[in-house]
Amino acid sequence: MQIRIERFGALLLALMLSACATPTPTHVALATPAQGSIASTEVVAPIAQSEIYIYVPPTTAGQGQGLIGALIDAGVDSYRAGTAETGVKPLRDAIVDMSFDHDLASQLKDSLSQIAWLHLDGVRVIKEVAGKKIDGAITGSKDGAVLIAIADYHLSNDGRQLFITVNVDLYPNSAALAAFKPAKGRPDVPSDPSNSLYRNTFTYESDLPGPPVKREINMPAWAADNGAAFRAAMKLGVAKLGEMIAMDLQGGPPGAATAPAGAGPVVQGPDGVLAREADGSLTFTTTPRPS
């Protein structure tokens, strides 16, 4: 499945860490021998945002018209961003008591503590995603391995689809793991993806039921009954992401069926579909995929 434009915001956070770096595959499996050399692991979750937002793709109407076109696009983008902020405010008000940071950190702790060889030491959230801050989180950790989980959650432009994306990298931080460091890594930039012992991208998607409609209809549906639909979708999403990350660290979904040519293994469950995409990333969607 091609990467949806709605995932751009989350993926941009991960790309900030790898600008001007050697391209690294989306999915890098952890070498089994490395597991025995992990004495302890700290999980650090950089989450820049503090509330849900609507991702509005930039307009391209003025491209090719020089400075005037660029100014037109900037004005249009500003207007569209303003209408999105207005549209999402009732939902924000309905879920003001929710804490994605706390919920994700708790789920990661619960899911990853089940992996004995990971020797989970703790999970903490930081509110910055700048490369230097993440470098410091790695080198300043007392643990032998540091798992960085950059998270983003947002609604599509029409407000119908909820996306939660987590980009995960496991970095070595001890002499015991030195032998497993990638040969083409960048020792001067600890958080560079080329240094990862393991990495992957995980996406959860939940759509409002029914046929596609406008944002003006979708947003009240999410916010109704104190945000009941949104709360349920977020709760399931955080749980599924924790499960996917833990599962993939240990080698992937067991007993997965073989998908059609060009796709990865697919698992149909009672609450949705888990699929491995062509680039190795994992996606869980609560709605059936087109046949």
Protein backbone atom coordinates (compact mmCIF):
# COMPACT_ATOMS: atom_id res chain seq x y z
CA MET A 1 0.00 0.00 0.00
CA GLN A 2 1.36 3.44 -0.85
CA ILE A 3 2.03 5.82 2.01
CA ARG A 4 -1.01 8.04 2.47
CA ILE A 5 -0.49 11.77 2.43
CA GLU A 6 -2.04 11.96 5.91
CA ARG A 7 1.05 10.18 7.29
CA PHE A 8 3.29 12.97 6.05
CA GLY A 9 3.23 14.91 9.30
CA ALA A 10 4.45 11.98 11.38
CA LEU A 11 6.99 10.81 8.86
CA LEU A 12 8.40 14.33 8.63
CA LEU A 13 9.39 14.10 12.29
CA ALA A 14 11.39 10.98 11.61
CA LEU A 15 12.98 12.46 8.49
CA MET A 16 14.24 15.38 10.57
CA LEU A 17 16.63 12.93 12.19
CA SER A 18 17.98 11.63 8.90
CA ALA A 19 18.38 14.80 6.82
CA CYS A 20 21.51 14.66 4.68
CA ALA A 21 22.16 11.11 5.88
CA THR A 22 22.62 7.88 3.97
CA PRO A 23 19.17 6.45 3.21
CA THR A 24 18.21 3.69 5.62
CA PRO A 25 15.48 1.09 5.01
CA THR A 26 12.18 1.67 6.77
CA HIS A 27 12.43 -1.76 8.39
CA VAL A 28 15.65 -3.11 9.87
CA ALA A 29 15.21 -6.37 11.79
CA LEU A 30 17.11 -6.90 15.03
CA ALA A 31 19.83 -9.55 14.77
CA THR A 32 18.99 -12.41 17.13
CA PRO A 33 22.52 -12.58 18.64
CA ALA A 34 22.21 -8.93 19.70
CA GLN A 35 19.39 -9.79 22.07
CA GLY A 36 21.77 -11.50 24.49
CA SER A 37 23.99 -8.41 24.68
CA ILE A 38 21.24 -6.02 25.81
CA ALA A 39 21.71 -5.51 29.54
CA SER A 40 18.99 -2.89 29.86
CA THR A 41 16.82 -0.69 27.65
CA GLU A 42 15.36 2.76 28.14
CA VAL A 43 12.43 3.86 25.98
CA VAL A 44 12.27 7.55 25.05
CA ALA A 45 9.16 8.82 23.27
CA PRO A 46 9.55 12.24 21.60
CA ILE A 47 6.04 13.68 21.13
CA ALA A 48 6.09 17.27 19.92
CA GLN A 49 2.36 17.95 19.96
CA SER A 50 0.07 18.40 22.94
CA GLU A 51 -3.32 17.94 21.23
CA ILE A 52 -5.05 16.43 18.20
CA TYR A 53 -4.79 18.34 14.93
CA ILE A 54 -6.13 18.12 11.39
CA TYR A 55 -3.44 17.59 8.78
CA VAL A 56 -4.01 19.99 5.90
CA PRO A 57 -1.86 19.14 2.86
CA PRO A 58 -0.20 22.23 1.34
CA THR A 59 -1.82 23.71 -1.73
CA THR A 60 0.00 23.71 -5.06
CA ALA A 61 -2.36 25.93 -7.00
CA GLY A 62 0.20 28.68 -7.40
CA GLN A 63 3.17 26.55 -8.41
CA GLY A 64 4.86 27.75 -11.56
CA GLN A 65 3.72 31.34 -11.07
CA GLY A 66 6.82 32.61 -9.31
CA LEU A 67 6.67 34.85 -6.25
CA ILE A 68 3.05 35.82 -6.83
CA GLY A 69 2.04 32.15 -6.96
CA ALA A 70 3.99 31.42 -3.79
CA LEU A 71 2.26 34.29 -1.98
CA ILE A 72 -1.13 33.06 -3.16
CA ASP A 73 -0.35 29.56 -1.90
CA ALA A 74 0.81 30.92 1.45
CA GLY A 75 -2.42 32.85 1.86
CA VAL A 76 -4.55 29.86 0.92
CA ASP A 77 -2.60 27.58 3.27
CA SER A 78 -3.04 30.06 6.12
CA TYR A 79 -6.79 30.22 5.54
CA ARG A 80 -7.15 26.44 5.31
CA ALA A 81 -5.09 25.95 8.47
CA GLY A 82 -7.32 28.45 10.26
CA THR A 83 -10.51 26.66 9.26
CA ALA A 84 -9.00 23.35 10.37
CA GLU A 85 -8.17 24.81 13.79
CA THR A 86 -11.73 26.08 14.12
CA GLY A 87 -13.13 22.71 13.05
CA VAL A 88 -11.10 20.66 15.53
CA LYS A 89 -11.70 22.89 18.58
CA PRO A 90 -14.98 21.23 19.72
CA LEU A 91 -13.24 17.85 19.75
CA ARG A 92 -10.30 19.25 21.69
CA ASP A 93 -12.71 20.69 24.25
CA ALA A 94 -14.49 17.34 24.58
CA ILE A 95 -11.28 15.40 25.27
CA VAL A 96 -9.34 17.96 27.27
CA ASP A 97 -8.79 15.40 30.04
CA MET A 98 -7.10 12.87 27.72
CA SER A 99 -3.31 12.47 27.78
CA PHE A 100 -1.85 10.73 24.76
CA ASP A 101 1.64 11.07 26.23
CA HIS A 102 0.68 9.19 29.39
CA ASP A 103 -1.37 6.57 27.57
CA LEU A 104 1.37 5.76 25.04
CA ALA A 105 4.10 5.65 27.69
CA SER A 106 2.01 3.30 29.84
CA GLN A 107 1.23 1.03 26.88
CA LEU A 108 4.86 0.86 25.78
CA LYS A 109 5.86 -0.06 29.31
CA ASP A 110 3.21 -2.79 29.50
CA SER A 111 3.96 -4.23 26.04
CA LEU A 112 7.76 -4.07 26.06
CA SER A 113 8.18 -5.30 29.62
CA GLN A 114 6.91 -8.65 28.33
CA ILE A 115 10.09 -9.06 26.25
CA ALA A 116 12.52 -10.58 28.74
CA TRP A 117 15.73 -10.00 26.76
CA LEU A 118 14.94 -6.30 26.35
CA HIS A 119 15.34 -5.77 30.13
CA LEU A 120 13.11 -2.68 30.07
CA ASP A 121 14.34 -0.11 32.57
CA GLY A 122 11.83 2.67 32.00
CA VAL A 123 9.78 4.77 29.59
CA ARG A 124 9.80 8.55 29.42
CA VAL A 125 8.31 11.20 27.14
CA ILE A 126 10.20 14.23 25.86
CA LYS A 127 8.44 17.12 24.13
CA GLU A 128 11.10 17.90 21.55
CA VAL A 129 12.00 16.00 18.37
CA ALA A 130 15.11 17.96 17.36
CA GLY A 131 18.01 15.68 16.46
CA LYS A 132 20.37 17.14 19.07
CA LYS A 133 17.82 16.56 21.84
CA ILE A 134 17.41 12.94 20.82
CA ASP A 135 21.20 12.56 20.54
CA GLY A 136 21.40 13.72 24.14
CA ALA A 137 18.67 11.33 25.22
CA ILE A 138 20.71 8.44 23.81
CA THR A 139 24.18 9.38 25.05
CA GLY A 140 22.84 10.59 28.39
CA SER A 141 21.04 7.33 29.14
CA LYS A 142 22.53 4.93 31.67
CA ASP A 143 21.09 1.97 29.81
CA GLY A 144 22.85 -0.25 27.30
CA ALA A 145 20.22 0.28 24.59
CA VAL A 146 17.84 3.16 23.93
CA LEU A 147 14.60 2.73 22.00
CA ILE A 148 13.40 5.99 20.45
CA ALA A 149 9.67 6.03 19.58
CA ILE A 150 8.65 9.23 17.77
CA ALA A 151 4.87 9.52 17.82
CA ASP A 152 2.26 11.61 16.02
CA TYR A 153 -1.54 11.52 16.01
CA HIS A 154 -3.85 13.49 13.75
CA LEU A 155 -7.03 13.52 11.68
CA SER A 156 -7.18 13.60 7.90
CA ASN A 157 -8.08 16.83 6.12
CA ASP A 158 -11.77 15.87 5.93
CA GLY A 159 -11.77 14.77 9.57
CA ARG A 160 -12.92 11.24 8.77
CA GLN A 161 -9.73 9.27 9.42
CA LEU A 162 -7.68 9.10 12.61
CA PHE A 163 -4.01 8.22 12.24
CA ILE A 164 -1.47 7.40 14.93
CA THR A 165 2.08 6.78 13.73
CA VAL A 166 5.12 5.69 15.72
CA ASN A 167 8.60 5.58 14.20
CA VAL A 168 10.83 3.29 16.27
CA ASP A 169 14.64 3.00 16.34
CA LEU A 170 16.69 0.89 18.77
CA TYR A 171 20.16 2.35 19.31
CA PRO A 172 23.22 0.75 20.93
CA ASN A 173 24.63 2.58 23.96
CA SER A 174 27.14 0.13 25.43
CA ALA A 175 30.39 -1.64 24.67
CA ALA A 176 28.54 -4.95 24.71
CA LEU A 177 26.52 -3.88 21.66
CA ALA A 178 29.48 -2.37 19.77
CA ALA A 179 29.93 -5.51 17.68
CA PHE A 180 26.40 -5.13 16.33
CA LYS A 181 26.67 -1.48 15.28
CA PRO A 182 26.07 -1.05 11.54
CA ALA A 183 29.35 -0.69 9.63
CA LYS A 184 28.03 2.33 7.71
CA GLY A 185 26.63 4.11 10.76
CA ARG A 186 27.41 7.67 11.83
CA PRO A 187 29.11 7.67 15.24
CA ASP A 188 29.10 11.50 15.30
CA VAL A 189 25.27 11.56 15.20
CA PRO A 190 23.92 8.99 17.70
CA SER A 191 20.29 9.34 16.54
CA ASP A 192 21.04 8.91 12.83
CA PRO A 193 18.87 6.05 11.48
CA SER A 194 21.97 4.41 10.01
CA ASN A 195 23.04 3.58 13.59
CA SER A 196 19.87 1.62 14.37
CA LEU A 197 20.10 -1.99 15.46
CA TYR A 198 16.37 -2.18 14.73
CA ARG A 199 13.85 0.20 13.19
CA ASN A 200 10.36 0.31 11.75
CA THR A 201 7.28 2.47 11.26
CA PHE A 202 3.90 1.56 12.76
CA THR A 203 0.59 3.10 11.72
CA TYR A 204 -2.89 2.78 13.15
CA GLU A 205 -5.90 3.99 11.16
CA SER A 206 -9.49 4.26 12.30
CA ASP A 207 -12.27 5.66 10.12
CA LEU A 208 -15.64 6.97 11.16
CA PRO A 209 -18.34 4.50 10.06
CA GLY A 210 -20.50 5.26 7.08
CA PRO A 211 -19.87 6.85 3.71
CA PRO A 212 -17.36 9.72 3.33
CA VAL A 213 -18.78 13.12 4.23
CA LYS A 214 -17.48 16.63 4.83
CA ARG A 215 -15.40 17.78 7.79
CA GLU A 216 -18.38 19.79 9.08
CA ILE A 217 -20.20 16.50 9.67
CA ASN A 218 -17.27 14.33 10.70
CA MET A 219 -15.96 16.55 13.48
CA PRO A 220 -19.23 16.65 15.46
CA ALA A 221 -19.39 12.85 15.13
CA TRP A 222 -15.98 12.50 16.78
CA ALA A 223 -16.87 15.03 19.51
CA ALA A 224 -20.35 13.71 20.36
CA ASP A 225 -21.00 12.19 23.79
CA ASN A 226 -17.89 13.71 25.32
CA GLY A 227 -15.76 12.45 22.46
CA ALA A 228 -16.82 8.83 22.90
CA ALA A 229 -15.94 7.70 19.37
CA PHE A 230 -12.57 9.43 19.46
CA ARG A 231 -11.72 8.10 22.92
CA ALA A 232 -12.52 4.53 21.86
CA ALA A 233 -10.47 4.83 18.66
CA MET A 234 -7.46 6.28 20.48
CA LYS A 235 -7.60 3.65 23.20
CA LEU A 236 -7.63 0.83 20.65
CA GLY A 237 -4.93 2.54 18.61
CA VAL A 238 -2.48 2.91 21.48
CA ALA A 239 -3.04 -0.72 22.47
CA LYS A 240 -2.54 -1.99 18.91
CA LEU A 241 0.63 0.05 18.44
CA GLY A 242 2.11 -1.36 21.63
CA GLU A 243 1.29 -4.88 20.47
CA MET A 244 2.72 -4.31 16.98
CA ILE A 245 5.99 -2.86 18.25
CA ALA A 246 6.53 -5.69 20.73
CA MET A 247 5.61 -8.30 18.13
CA ASP A 248 7.87 -6.86 15.44
CA LEU A 249 10.86 -6.56 17.77
CA GLN A 250 10.54 -10.31 18.29
CA GLY A 251 10.40 -11.17 14.60
CA GLY A 252 6.94 -10.26 13.31
CA PRO A 253 3.40 -11.65 13.32
CA PRO A 254 3.39 -15.44 13.78
CA GLY A 255 1.21 -17.51 11.48
CA ALA A 256 0.42 -14.60 9.18
CA ALA A 257 -1.43 -15.45 6.01
CA THR A 258 0.20 -14.76 2.65
CA ALA A 259 -1.22 -11.65 1.04
CA PRO A 260 -1.67 -11.10 -2.70
CA ALA A 261 1.47 -10.56 -4.80
CA GLY A 262 3.25 -7.32 -3.94
CA ALA A 263 1.97 -7.12 -0.35
CA GLY A 264 3.19 -8.57 2.92
CA PRO A 265 1.53 -10.91 5.40
CA VAL A 266 -1.95 -9.95 6.49
CA VAL A 267 -3.76 -10.93 9.69
CA GLN A 268 -7.53 -10.42 9.92
CA GLY A 269 -8.70 -10.00 13.50
CA PRO A 270 -12.03 -9.26 15.17
CA ASP A 271 -11.27 -5.54 15.40
CA GLY A 272 -9.36 -4.90 12.18
CA VAL A 273 -6.62 -5.88 9.77
CA LEU A 274 -2.86 -6.00 10.36
CA ALA A 275 -0.68 -5.78 7.26
CA ARG A 276 3.01 -5.60 6.52
CA GLU A 277 3.56 -3.10 3.75
CA ALA A 278 6.03 -3.46 0.88
CA ASP A 279 8.64 -1.41 2.79
CA GLY A 280 8.33 -3.65 5.87
CA SER A 281 6.30 -1.23 7.96
CA LEU A 282 3.23 -2.46 9.84
CA THR A 283 -0.25 -0.97 9.52
CA PHE A 284 -3.37 -1.77 11.50
CA THR A 285 -6.68 -0.50 10.17
CA THR A 286 -10.07 -0.90 11.81
CA THR A 287 -11.85 -0.85 8.45
CA PRO A 288 -11.78 -3.62 5.81
CA ARG A 289 -9.29 -3.16 3.01
CA PRO A 290 -10.61 -2.95 -0.56
CA SER A 291 -10.59 -6.29 -2.34
